[in-house]
């Protein structure tokens, strides 16, 4: 790859950072998909299952929680789930393989940020920024989750790095490569579109300083940019088409400015209190926020090489691009916080800058100075002990453990081809369906624009159950801690539903964790 000749000592530092990043991400890699992101991870994992079991057509991603199917959904390009399905074909099904694919992308993202920072702010900042991305709890946790976001961030960071090299060294081949990789990143997850802002800034800043900002150079770049835009627009139009024309008529994502209206966003202060809670509790944590804040108060370093042009505000521009995305999708990002991943690159870069400023507060220019090394070690320890470890502990908590247990028990009881209904700890979470290794329905049934995180009253719940029984549902399972978004437990709120099941179905399992019923076949009219 271009621009990787960094010297033996710096290469050793980078290798150490990557080892640290791997250790953080690989810890407890075999944990089932029961952590704070279980809901979204289960859907991603189902799509990998269905590529292997039903169709390899990547343009028709399919979940398993809306009945026998097909259950195509409007989703981002399934890069991670598709690669995982290929690994399933080679090595068999293991739920941790999806985590491994995500981690691989995440590690490459740390490397790509290091090389990008070296181009923009120099080697010291490259080490510091890559170190922060390696240990920041939000970056670590998202990178180990079976989600599309690690591929998105890794690819757009790589695309940005290669594009900066192209601008600095006049290497036309890198323009096409950067365009392809960055486009794949945006297709992997739409928030990656934020990278357009720093790439646009770099175009005009670098070329102007180098005296190469001319129509010929712009005409060289424009076709690649237009092709990338056409591919991105075309794919997401297709995703909307799939999600609006095939059952269960579900397009991933909601809560955008054009859905809710500007007045609602203003009334909720653009969900900034919730976003701050996420940022301070686990995404960045206070040590990283403080470091990034220090960097925002001072001018960024100048060009690492005047001949390469100046792009000192690159990561500020990236942060601005991420904020633009947040402006239009605040509720969606707050509700599904893995979408904050696009912020992790600029925050890590800025926090790395803050680390350097504090480490050199006495004016020392040599990293080998004992005082500088000591301050750097103390700051790193505070970031890890005061931020990364508690943040990761919070997010790795097995919130969906009972759903995993329910799914595993259904897997043992149900025959191949049986359809199951399941309600997990969080109503709407399909984790029990996933671990049942069957197709079926979450309860209440999900899909479309209805709010299926809220329990219906007993009469409606019984109607839903009988509708699903008529569609050949064979099993009904519920964890005893299943709650809806209003905090109501199903076994306490829907006592009429439980009484109806006791009359019309066979109670097979009743323990401290779950209830499972074998449903009688529907009665013929």
Protein backbone atom coordinates (compact mmCIF):
# COMPACT_ATOMS: atom_id res chain seq x y z
CA UNK A 1 0.00 0.00 0.00
CA UNK A 2 1.20 3.58 -0.66
CA UNK A 3 2.90 5.67 1.94
CA UNK A 4 3.81 2.85 4.33
CA UNK A 5 7.58 3.32 4.37
CA UNK A 6 7.72 4.65 7.93
CA UNK A 7 11.02 3.43 9.33
CA UNK A 8 11.82 0.56 11.64
CA UNK A 9 11.17 2.34 14.96
CA UNK A 10 7.87 3.86 13.85
CA UNK A 11 6.84 0.55 12.32
CA UNK A 12 7.43 -1.11 15.68
CA UNK A 13 5.25 1.50 17.40
CA UNK A 14 2.48 0.99 14.85
CA UNK A 15 2.73 -2.78 15.30
CA UNK A 16 2.38 -2.32 19.05
CA UNK A 17 -0.71 -0.15 18.57
CA UNK A 18 -2.27 -2.76 16.31
CA UNK A 19 -1.54 -5.52 18.81
CA UNK A 20 -3.19 -3.41 21.52
CA UNK A 21 -6.19 -2.79 19.26
CA UNK A 22 -6.47 -6.52 18.59
CA UNK A 23 -6.28 -7.40 22.29
CA UNK A 24 -9.08 -4.99 23.14
CA UNK A 25 -11.30 -6.21 20.29
CA UNK A 26 -10.61 -9.93 20.62
CA UNK A 27 -11.30 -10.07 24.33
CA UNK A 28 -14.34 -12.30 24.88
CA UNK A 29 -14.79 -12.62 21.11
CA UNK A 30 -16.83 -15.80 21.57
CA UNK A 31 -19.48 -14.04 23.63
CA UNK A 32 -22.88 -14.77 22.02
CA UNK A 33 -24.67 -11.83 20.43
CA UNK A 34 -26.25 -10.86 23.74
CA UNK A 35 -24.57 -7.54 24.49
CA UNK A 36 -26.02 -4.04 24.24
CA UNK A 37 -26.41 -4.30 20.45
CA UNK A 38 -28.06 -7.73 20.37
CA UNK A 39 -31.14 -6.53 18.45
CA UNK A 40 -29.20 -5.22 15.44
CA UNK A 41 -26.54 -7.93 15.59
CA UNK A 42 -29.20 -10.66 15.44
CA UNK A 43 -30.68 -9.17 12.26
CA UNK A 44 -27.23 -8.87 10.65
CA UNK A 45 -26.46 -12.48 11.62
CA UNK A 46 -29.77 -13.66 10.15
CA UNK A 47 -28.90 -12.07 6.83
CA UNK A 48 -25.63 -14.02 6.80
CA UNK A 49 -27.59 -17.21 7.56
CA UNK A 50 -30.00 -16.57 4.73
CA UNK A 51 -27.29 -15.85 2.17
CA UNK A 52 -25.93 -19.31 2.92
CA UNK A 53 -29.23 -21.17 3.29
CA UNK A 54 -31.55 -19.47 0.80
CA UNK A 55 -29.93 -17.16 -1.76
CA UNK A 56 -26.49 -15.69 -2.44
CA UNK A 57 -28.01 -12.61 -4.10
CA UNK A 58 -26.47 -9.76 -2.09
CA UNK A 59 -29.12 -7.32 -3.35
CA UNK A 60 -31.88 -9.18 -1.48
CA UNK A 61 -30.85 -9.29 2.19
CA UNK A 62 -33.31 -11.33 4.23
CA UNK A 63 -34.10 -11.68 7.93
CA UNK A 64 -35.82 -14.58 9.68
CA UNK A 65 -38.09 -12.82 12.17
CA UNK A 66 -41.15 -12.20 9.96
CA UNK A 67 -42.32 -15.74 9.25
CA UNK A 68 -41.45 -18.32 6.60
CA UNK A 69 -40.49 -15.62 4.13
CA UNK A 70 -39.15 -14.48 1.91
CA UNK A 71 -38.53 -11.49 4.17
CA UNK A 72 -36.43 -9.09 2.10
CA UNK A 73 -35.53 -5.75 3.63
CA UNK A 74 -34.15 -2.44 2.46
CA UNK A 75 -30.66 -2.44 3.92
CA UNK A 76 -27.16 -1.16 3.31
CA UNK A 77 -24.87 -3.31 1.12
CA UNK A 78 -24.23 -6.43 3.20
CA UNK A 79 -20.44 -6.58 3.09
CA UNK A 80 -19.78 -8.02 6.54
CA UNK A 81 -22.74 -10.41 6.56
CA UNK A 82 -21.87 -11.67 3.05
CA UNK A 83 -18.23 -12.33 3.95
CA UNK A 84 -19.42 -14.09 7.11
CA UNK A 85 -21.75 -16.29 5.04
CA UNK A 86 -18.79 -17.30 2.88
CA UNK A 87 -16.89 -18.25 6.04
CA UNK A 88 -19.90 -20.28 7.21
CA UNK A 89 -19.72 -22.19 3.93
CA UNK A 90 -16.06 -22.96 4.56
CA UNK A 91 -15.94 -23.56 8.32
CA UNK A 92 -19.52 -24.15 9.42
CA UNK A 93 -21.79 -21.95 11.50
CA UNK A 94 -20.18 -20.19 14.46
CA UNK A 95 -21.84 -17.04 15.79
CA UNK A 96 -18.46 -15.46 16.58
CA UNK A 97 -17.31 -15.49 12.95
CA UNK A 98 -19.28 -12.31 12.33
CA UNK A 99 -17.40 -10.65 15.18
CA UNK A 100 -14.10 -11.77 13.65
CA UNK A 101 -14.94 -10.24 10.28
CA UNK A 102 -15.93 -6.97 11.97
CA UNK A 103 -12.74 -6.98 14.06
CA UNK A 104 -10.60 -7.50 10.96
CA UNK A 105 -12.13 -4.41 9.37
CA UNK A 106 -11.70 -2.52 12.64
CA UNK A 107 -8.00 -3.33 12.87
CA UNK A 108 -7.46 -2.22 9.30
CA UNK A 109 -9.28 1.01 10.18
CA UNK A 110 -6.75 1.71 12.95
CA UNK A 111 -3.92 1.16 10.47
CA UNK A 112 -5.58 3.38 7.84
CA UNK A 113 -6.08 6.20 10.34
CA UNK A 114 -2.41 5.98 11.32
CA UNK A 115 -1.32 6.37 7.72
CA UNK A 116 -3.82 9.17 7.09
CA UNK A 117 -2.71 11.07 10.20
CA UNK A 118 0.92 10.75 9.17
CA UNK A 119 0.03 12.41 5.88
CA UNK A 120 -1.95 15.20 7.54
CA UNK A 121 -0.28 15.97 10.89
CA UNK A 122 2.88 13.87 11.03
CA UNK A 123 4.13 10.70 12.65
CA UNK A 124 3.75 11.68 16.32
CA UNK A 125 0.09 12.49 15.77
CA UNK A 126 -0.32 9.27 13.77
CA UNK A 127 0.87 7.25 16.76
CA UNK A 128 -1.28 9.16 19.23
CA UNK A 129 -4.46 9.17 17.13
CA UNK A 130 -4.18 5.50 16.19
CA UNK A 131 -3.58 4.64 19.84
CA UNK A 132 -6.77 6.44 20.86
CA UNK A 133 -8.80 4.70 18.13
CA UNK A 134 -7.30 1.40 19.29
CA UNK A 135 -8.59 1.80 22.87
CA UNK A 136 -11.62 4.11 22.73
CA UNK A 137 -14.50 2.04 24.14
CA UNK A 138 -17.04 3.01 21.49
CA UNK A 139 -14.65 2.23 18.65
CA UNK A 140 -13.62 -1.06 20.26
CA UNK A 141 -17.16 -2.16 21.04
CA UNK A 142 -18.60 -1.31 17.62
CA UNK A 143 -15.60 -2.93 15.90
CA UNK A 144 -16.30 -6.21 17.76
CA UNK A 145 -20.03 -6.16 17.01
CA UNK A 146 -21.65 -8.12 14.18
CA UNK A 147 -22.68 -4.90 12.43
CA UNK A 148 -21.95 -3.21 9.10
CA UNK A 149 -20.38 -0.14 10.73
CA UNK A 150 -16.80 -1.47 11.13
CA UNK A 151 -16.63 -2.04 7.38
CA UNK A 152 -18.01 1.43 6.73
CA UNK A 153 -15.47 3.27 8.90
CA UNK A 154 -12.53 1.16 7.78
CA UNK A 155 -13.31 1.62 4.09
CA UNK A 156 -14.03 5.35 4.15
CA UNK A 157 -10.88 5.96 6.22
CA UNK A 158 -8.84 3.97 3.71
CA UNK A 159 -10.45 5.84 0.83
CA UNK A 160 -9.66 9.18 2.46
CA UNK A 161 -6.05 8.17 3.09
CA UNK A 162 -5.47 7.03 -0.50
CA UNK A 163 -7.17 10.14 -1.84
CA UNK A 164 -4.88 12.41 0.19
CA UNK A 165 -1.87 10.48 -1.15
CA UNK A 166 -3.20 10.95 -4.68
CA UNK A 167 -3.54 14.70 -4.17
CA UNK A 168 -0.10 15.00 -2.60
CA UNK A 169 1.85 12.82 -5.04
CA UNK A 170 -0.07 13.05 -8.35
CA UNK A 171 -0.67 9.30 -8.61
CA UNK A 172 -3.78 8.92 -10.83
CA UNK A 173 -4.18 5.21 -10.14
CA UNK A 174 -4.86 6.00 -6.50
CA UNK A 175 -7.74 8.27 -7.48
CA UNK A 176 -9.73 5.35 -8.88
CA UNK A 177 -8.75 3.05 -6.00
CA UNK A 178 -9.71 5.68 -3.41
CA UNK A 179 -13.02 6.27 -5.17
CA UNK A 180 -13.87 2.57 -5.27
CA UNK A 181 -12.97 1.97 -1.62
CA UNK A 182 -14.70 5.09 -0.29
CA UNK A 183 -17.81 4.25 -2.33
CA UNK A 184 -17.90 0.74 -0.85
CA UNK A 185 -17.62 2.33 2.57
CA UNK A 186 -20.67 4.52 2.00
CA UNK A 187 -22.58 1.57 0.55
CA UNK A 188 -21.65 -0.44 3.66
CA UNK A 189 -23.40 2.20 5.80
CA UNK A 190 -24.81 5.54 4.72
CA UNK A 191 -23.28 7.68 7.53
CA UNK A 192 -19.98 7.15 5.72
CA UNK A 193 -21.15 9.89 3.35
CA UNK A 194 -19.69 12.30 5.92
CA UNK A 195 -16.24 11.61 4.45
CA UNK A 196 -17.18 13.67 1.39
CA UNK A 197 -16.66 16.86 3.43
CA UNK A 198 -12.99 16.30 4.40
CA UNK A 199 -12.20 14.85 0.97
CA UNK A 200 -13.65 17.95 -0.70
CA UNK A 201 -11.71 20.19 1.67
CA UNK A 202 -8.51 18.27 0.93
CA UNK A 203 -9.05 18.63 -2.82
CA UNK A 204 -9.08 22.41 -2.79
CA UNK A 205 -6.63 22.92 0.07
CA UNK A 206 -3.85 20.62 -1.18
CA UNK A 207 -4.14 21.45 -4.86
CA UNK A 208 -4.25 25.20 -4.21
CA UNK A 209 -1.12 25.16 -2.08
CA UNK A 210 0.68 22.98 -4.62
CA UNK A 211 -0.38 25.20 -7.51
CA UNK A 212 -2.29 22.40 -9.22
CA UNK A 213 -5.84 23.64 -8.75
CA UNK A 214 -6.75 23.87 -12.43
CA UNK A 215 -9.61 22.71 -14.70
CA UNK A 216 -7.58 19.76 -15.96
CA UNK A 217 -7.14 18.33 -12.46
CA UNK A 218 -10.80 18.94 -11.55
CA UNK A 219 -11.90 17.19 -14.75
CA UNK A 220 -9.75 14.24 -13.72
CA UNK A 221 -11.48 14.00 -10.34
CA UNK A 222 -15.05 14.80 -11.42
CA UNK A 223 -15.85 11.55 -13.34
CA UNK A 224 -14.77 9.43 -10.37
CA UNK A 225 -16.86 11.55 -7.98
CA UNK A 226 -19.89 11.43 -10.28
CA UNK A 227 -19.62 7.67 -10.73
CA UNK A 228 -19.35 7.21 -6.96
CA UNK A 229 -22.40 9.41 -6.41
CA UNK A 230 -24.40 7.54 -9.04
CA UNK A 231 -23.56 4.15 -7.49
CA UNK A 232 -24.45 5.32 -3.99
CA UNK A 233 -27.71 6.94 -5.08
CA UNK A 234 -28.62 3.98 -7.27
CA UNK A 235 -28.00 1.40 -4.55
CA UNK A 236 -29.96 3.20 -1.85
CA UNK A 237 -32.85 3.82 -4.25
CA UNK A 238 -32.84 0.07 -4.84
CA UNK A 239 -32.79 -0.60 -1.08
CA UNK A 240 -35.86 1.61 -0.64
CA UNK A 241 -37.54 -0.21 -3.53
CA UNK A 242 -36.90 -3.60 -1.91
CA UNK A 243 -38.07 -2.39 1.49
CA UNK A 244 -41.29 -0.88 0.15
CA UNK A 245 -42.28 -3.59 -2.34
CA UNK A 246 -41.56 -6.85 -0.52
CA UNK A 247 -42.95 -8.09 2.82
CA UNK A 248 -42.48 -7.15 5.60
CA UNK A 249 -42.14 -3.74 3.91
CA UNK A 250 -39.29 -2.64 6.12
CA UNK A 251 -36.55 -0.14 5.27
CA UNK A 252 -33.86 0.02 7.95
CA UNK A 253 -33.63 3.31 9.79
CA UNK A 254 -36.13 5.90 10.92
CA UNK A 255 -36.16 9.21 12.74
CA UNK A 256 -34.80 11.50 10.05
CA UNK A 257 -35.37 15.22 9.77
CA UNK A 258 -37.70 14.79 6.79
CA UNK A 259 -39.76 12.24 8.73
CA UNK A 260 -40.14 14.08 12.03
CA UNK A 261 -39.92 17.68 10.91
CA UNK A 262 -37.57 20.42 12.06
CA UNK A 263 -39.90 21.55 14.84
CA UNK A 264 -39.74 18.15 16.56
CA UNK A 265 -35.96 18.09 16.30
CA UNK A 266 -35.83 21.57 17.84
CA UNK A 267 -38.25 20.60 20.60
CA UNK A 268 -35.93 17.71 21.48
CA UNK A 269 -32.81 19.92 21.25
CA UNK A 270 -31.67 17.62 18.44
CA UNK A 271 -31.45 14.83 21.04
CA UNK A 272 -28.20 16.33 22.31
CA UNK A 273 -28.75 15.38 25.98
CA UNK A 274 -29.10 11.72 24.95
CA UNK A 275 -26.13 12.02 22.60
CA UNK A 276 -23.98 13.50 25.37
CA UNK A 277 -24.93 10.64 27.70
CA UNK A 278 -23.85 8.14 25.05
CA UNK A 279 -20.61 10.02 24.34
CA UNK A 280 -19.59 10.40 27.98
CA UNK A 281 -20.70 6.98 29.26
CA UNK A 282 -19.18 4.64 26.68
CA UNK A 283 -18.67 6.02 23.16
CA UNK A 284 -15.72 8.32 23.91
CA UNK A 285 -15.83 8.71 27.73
CA UNK A 286 -14.74 11.85 29.56
CA UNK A 287 -10.92 11.40 29.26
CA UNK A 288 -11.17 11.28 25.46
CA UNK A 289 -13.69 14.14 25.33
CA UNK A 290 -11.32 16.30 27.39
CA UNK A 291 -8.36 15.49 25.14
CA UNK A 292 -10.36 16.27 22.00
CA UNK A 293 -11.63 19.50 23.59
CA UNK A 294 -8.06 20.63 24.29
CA UNK A 295 -7.18 20.05 20.63
CA UNK A 296 -10.18 22.08 19.47
CA UNK A 297 -8.88 25.10 21.40
CA UNK A 298 -5.62 25.40 19.48
CA UNK A 299 -4.65 25.60 15.84
CA UNK A 300 -3.83 22.21 14.28
CA UNK A 301 -0.25 21.55 13.16
CA UNK A 302 0.85 22.70 9.74
CA UNK A 303 1.86 20.67 6.72
CA UNK A 304 4.19 17.76 7.34
CA UNK A 305 5.87 18.58 4.03
CA UNK A 306 5.25 21.90 2.21
CA UNK A 307 5.72 20.15 -1.13
CA UNK A 308 2.74 17.91 -0.36
CA UNK A 309 0.38 20.81 0.29
CA UNK A 310 -1.52 21.82 3.40
CA UNK A 311 -4.50 19.95 4.81
CA UNK A 312 -4.27 20.82 8.51
CA UNK A 313 -8.05 21.17 9.10
CA UNK A 314 -8.84 17.75 7.63
CA UNK A 315 -10.18 16.15 10.81
CA UNK A 316 -12.11 19.27 11.75
CA UNK A 317 -13.76 19.00 8.34
CA UNK A 318 -14.48 15.31 9.01
CA UNK A 319 -16.09 16.24 12.31
CA UNK A 320 -18.18 18.85 10.48
CA UNK A 321 -19.29 16.22 7.97
CA UNK A 322 -20.32 13.87 10.79
CA UNK A 323 -22.26 16.70 12.45
CA UNK A 324 -24.11 17.37 9.19
CA UNK A 325 -25.14 13.70 9.08
CA UNK A 326 -26.22 13.98 12.71
CA UNK A 327 -28.27 17.11 11.94
CA UNK A 328 -30.39 15.19 9.43
CA UNK A 329 -30.56 11.89 11.35
CA UNK A 330 -30.36 12.84 15.03
CA UNK A 331 -33.15 10.59 16.32
CA UNK A 332 -32.01 7.60 14.25
CA UNK A 333 -28.41 7.97 15.44
CA UNK A 334 -29.42 8.46 19.08
CA UNK A 335 -31.73 5.44 18.95
CA UNK A 336 -29.19 3.22 17.17
CA UNK A 337 -25.91 4.52 18.58
CA UNK A 338 -23.61 2.34 16.47
CA UNK A 339 -24.25 5.04 13.85
CA UNK A 340 -21.99 7.31 15.91
CA UNK A 341 -19.04 5.25 14.60
CA UNK A 342 -18.40 7.85 11.89
CA UNK A 343 -17.41 10.26 14.71
CA UNK A 344 -14.71 7.96 16.06
CA UNK A 345 -12.07 8.86 13.47
CA UNK A 346 -12.12 12.65 13.94
CA UNK A 347 -12.50 12.33 17.72
CA UNK A 348 -9.56 9.90 17.92
CA UNK A 349 -7.43 12.19 15.75
CA UNK A 350 -8.30 15.26 17.82
CA UNK A 351 -7.87 13.41 21.12
CA UNK A 352 -4.46 12.24 19.90
CA UNK A 353 -3.58 15.86 19.22
CA UNK A 354 -4.70 16.74 22.74
CA UNK A 355 -2.57 13.93 24.17
CA UNK A 356 0.50 15.34 22.41
CA UNK A 357 -0.21 18.87 23.62
CA UNK A 358 -0.42 17.69 27.24
CA UNK A 359 2.59 15.39 26.95
CA UNK A 360 4.69 18.29 25.61
CA UNK A 361 3.26 20.93 27.91
CA UNK A 362 6.76 21.81 29.14
CA UNK A 363 7.82 22.63 25.58
CA UNK A 364 9.81 19.46 25.03
CA UNK A 365 10.16 18.42 21.39
CA UNK A 366 11.71 15.03 22.09
CA UNK A 367 9.51 12.04 22.89
CA UNK A 368 12.46 10.38 24.56
CA UNK A 369 12.51 13.01 27.32
CA UNK A 370 11.58 11.27 30.61
CA UNK A 371 8.98 13.88 31.54
CA UNK A 372 7.26 13.57 28.16
CA UNK A 373 7.19 9.78 28.33
CA UNK A 374 5.87 9.86 31.89
CA UNK A 375 3.06 12.28 31.05
CA UNK A 376 2.15 10.24 27.95
CA UNK A 377 1.98 7.04 30.01
CA UNK A 378 -0.19 8.68 32.68
CA UNK A 379 -2.61 10.11 30.09
CA UNK A 380 -2.82 6.73 28.32
CA UNK A 381 -3.48 4.97 31.64
CA UNK A 382 -6.25 7.42 32.54
CA UNK A 383 -7.86 6.91 29.12
CA UNK A 384 -7.78 3.12 29.48
CA UNK A 385 -8.59 2.70 33.17
CA UNK A 386 -10.93 5.67 33.50
CA UNK A 387 -12.66 5.28 30.15
CA UNK A 388 -12.13 2.19 28.04
CA UNK A 389 -12.47 -0.53 30.68
CA UNK A 390 -15.66 0.76 32.37
CA UNK A 391 -17.20 1.71 29.01
CA UNK A 392 -16.60 -1.74 27.57
CA UNK A 393 -17.82 -3.43 30.74
CA UNK A 394 -21.08 -1.50 30.46
CA UNK A 395 -21.67 -2.41 26.81
CA UNK A 396 -20.63 -6.06 27.07
CA UNK A 397 -23.13 -6.75 29.83
CA UNK A 398 -25.22 -9.76 28.64
CA UNK A 399 -28.52 -7.90 28.51
CA UNK A 400 -30.03 -10.50 26.15
CA UNK A 401 -28.80 -13.61 27.98
CA UNK A 402 -32.35 -14.85 28.62
CA UNK A 403 -33.18 -14.46 24.92
CA UNK A 404 -30.16 -16.58 24.04
CA UNK A 405 -31.31 -19.23 26.51
CA UNK A 406 -34.84 -19.15 25.11
CA UNK A 407 -33.58 -19.50 21.56
CA UNK A 408 -31.28 -22.38 22.46
CA UNK A 409 -34.14 -24.22 24.18
CA UNK A 410 -36.43 -23.66 21.19
CA UNK A 411 -33.68 -25.00 18.95
CA UNK A 412 -33.62 -28.23 20.97
CA UNK A 413 -37.40 -28.61 21.01
CA UNK A 414 -38.45 -27.53 17.51
CA UNK A 415 -38.10 -29.74 14.45
CA UNK A 416 -36.45 -28.40 11.28
CA UNK A 417 -38.99 -26.31 9.44
CA UNK A 418 -41.04 -25.47 12.55
CA UNK A 419 -41.99 -21.81 12.85
CA UNK A 420 -41.52 -20.17 16.23
CA UNK A 421 -42.82 -17.05 17.96
CA UNK A 422 -40.54 -15.48 20.57
CA UNK A 423 -40.48 -12.50 22.92
CA UNK A 424 -37.06 -11.76 24.39
CA UNK A 425 -35.93 -9.53 27.25
CA UNK A 426 -36.39 -6.47 25.06
CA UNK A 427 -39.68 -6.71 23.18
CA UNK A 428 -38.88 -6.69 19.46
CA UNK A 429 -35.36 -8.08 19.83
CA UNK A 430 -35.08 -11.09 17.45
CA UNK A 431 -32.21 -12.68 19.37
CA UNK A 432 -34.29 -15.71 20.46
CA UNK A 433 -35.38 -16.32 16.85
CA UNK A 434 -31.74 -16.23 15.78
CA UNK A 435 -30.55 -18.74 18.36
CA UNK A 436 -33.53 -21.01 17.75
CA UNK A 437 -32.00 -21.61 14.29
CA UNK A 438 -35.54 -21.46 12.94
CA UNK A 439 -37.66 -18.92 11.16
CA UNK A 440 -40.59 -17.27 12.86
CA UNK A 441 -41.88 -14.04 14.34
CA UNK A 442 -40.95 -11.69 17.13
CA UNK A 443 -43.92 -10.90 19.35
CA UNK A 444 -45.68 -8.63 18.71
CA UNK A 445 -44.95 -9.19 15.00
CA UNK A 446 -42.49 -6.65 13.57
CA UNK A 447 -41.88 -4.95 10.28
CA UNK A 448 -43.17 -1.91 8.47
CA UNK A 449 -43.62 1.39 10.27
CA UNK A 450 -45.59 0.11 13.27
CA UNK A 451 -44.07 0.42 16.73
CA UNK A 452 -43.49 -3.23 17.59
CA UNK A 453 -41.55 -2.47 20.76
CA UNK A 454 -44.85 -1.84 22.60
CA UNK A 455 -47.02 -4.66 23.92
CA UNK A 456 -50.64 -4.76 22.71
CA UNK A 457 -53.53 -5.27 25.11
CA UNK A 458 -54.72 -8.83 25.73
CA UNK A 459 -57.46 -8.87 23.11
CA UNK A 460 -55.14 -7.67 20.37
CA UNK A 461 -52.34 -9.95 21.58
CA UNK A 462 -54.63 -13.01 21.37
CA UNK A 463 -55.72 -11.98 17.86
CA UNK A 464 -52.07 -11.68 16.87
CA UNK A 465 -51.29 -15.10 18.30
CA UNK A 466 -54.18 -16.75 16.47
CA UNK A 467 -53.20 -15.04 13.21
CA UNK A 468 -49.69 -16.46 13.53
CA UNK A 469 -51.04 -19.88 14.52
CA UNK A 470 -53.08 -19.81 11.30
CA UNK A 471 -49.79 -19.23 9.48
CA UNK A 472 -48.49 -22.50 10.97
CA UNK A 473 -46.58 -21.15 13.97
CA UNK A 474 -45.71 -24.23 16.05
CA UNK A 475 -44.06 -22.78 19.16
CA UNK A 476 -44.49 -19.74 21.40
CA UNK A 477 -41.70 -18.74 23.80
CA UNK A 478 -41.30 -15.76 26.11
CA UNK A 479 -38.63 -14.85 28.61
CA UNK A 480 -40.07 -13.94 31.98
CA UNK A 481 -38.12 -10.67 31.98
CA UNK A 482 -39.48 -9.59 28.57
CA UNK A 483 -40.38 -5.89 28.76
CA UNK A 484 -41.59 -3.42 26.19
CA UNK A 485 -40.30 0.12 25.65
CA UNK A 486 -42.71 1.35 28.33
CA UNK A 487 -41.24 -1.00 30.94
CA UNK A 488 -44.18 -3.43 31.05
CA UNK A 489 -43.48 -7.16 31.48
CA UNK A 490 -45.34 -9.40 29.06
CA UNK A 491 -46.06 -12.11 31.66
CA UNK A 492 -47.60 -9.48 33.95
CA UNK A 493 -49.25 -7.16 31.43
CA UNK A 494 -50.62 -9.84 29.08
CA UNK A 495 -52.04 -12.26 31.67
CA UNK A 496 -55.02 -12.83 29.38
CA UNK A 497 -52.69 -13.98 26.61
CA UNK A 498 -50.95 -16.40 28.99
CA UNK A 499 -54.33 -17.75 30.15
CA UNK A 500 -55.38 -18.22 26.51
CA UNK A 501 -52.17 -20.14 25.81
CA UNK A 502 -52.78 -22.38 28.80
CA UNK A 503 -56.19 -23.23 27.37
CA UNK A 504 -55.19 -23.73 23.73
CA UNK A 505 -51.55 -24.90 23.83
CA UNK A 506 -49.27 -27.25 25.76
CA UNK A 507 -46.97 -25.65 28.33
CA UNK A 508 -43.66 -27.45 27.69
CA UNK A 509 -41.17 -25.35 29.64
CA UNK A 510 -41.82 -23.24 32.73
CA UNK A 511 -38.77 -22.21 34.74
CA UNK A 512 -37.27 -19.07 36.24
CA UNK A 513 -36.18 -17.82 32.80
CA UNK A 514 -38.86 -18.68 30.27
CA UNK A 515 -42.21 -20.06 29.23
CA UNK A 516 -42.49 -22.22 26.10
CA UNK A 517 -45.73 -23.52 24.61
CA UNK A 518 -46.28 -26.07 21.84
CA UNK A 519 -49.08 -24.64 19.74
CA UNK A 520 -51.85 -26.86 18.47
CA UNK A 521 -52.37 -26.76 14.68
CA UNK A 522 -55.00 -24.27 13.52
CA UNK A 523 -58.53 -25.64 13.48
CA UNK A 524 -59.96 -26.12 10.00
CA UNK A 525 -63.09 -24.10 9.26
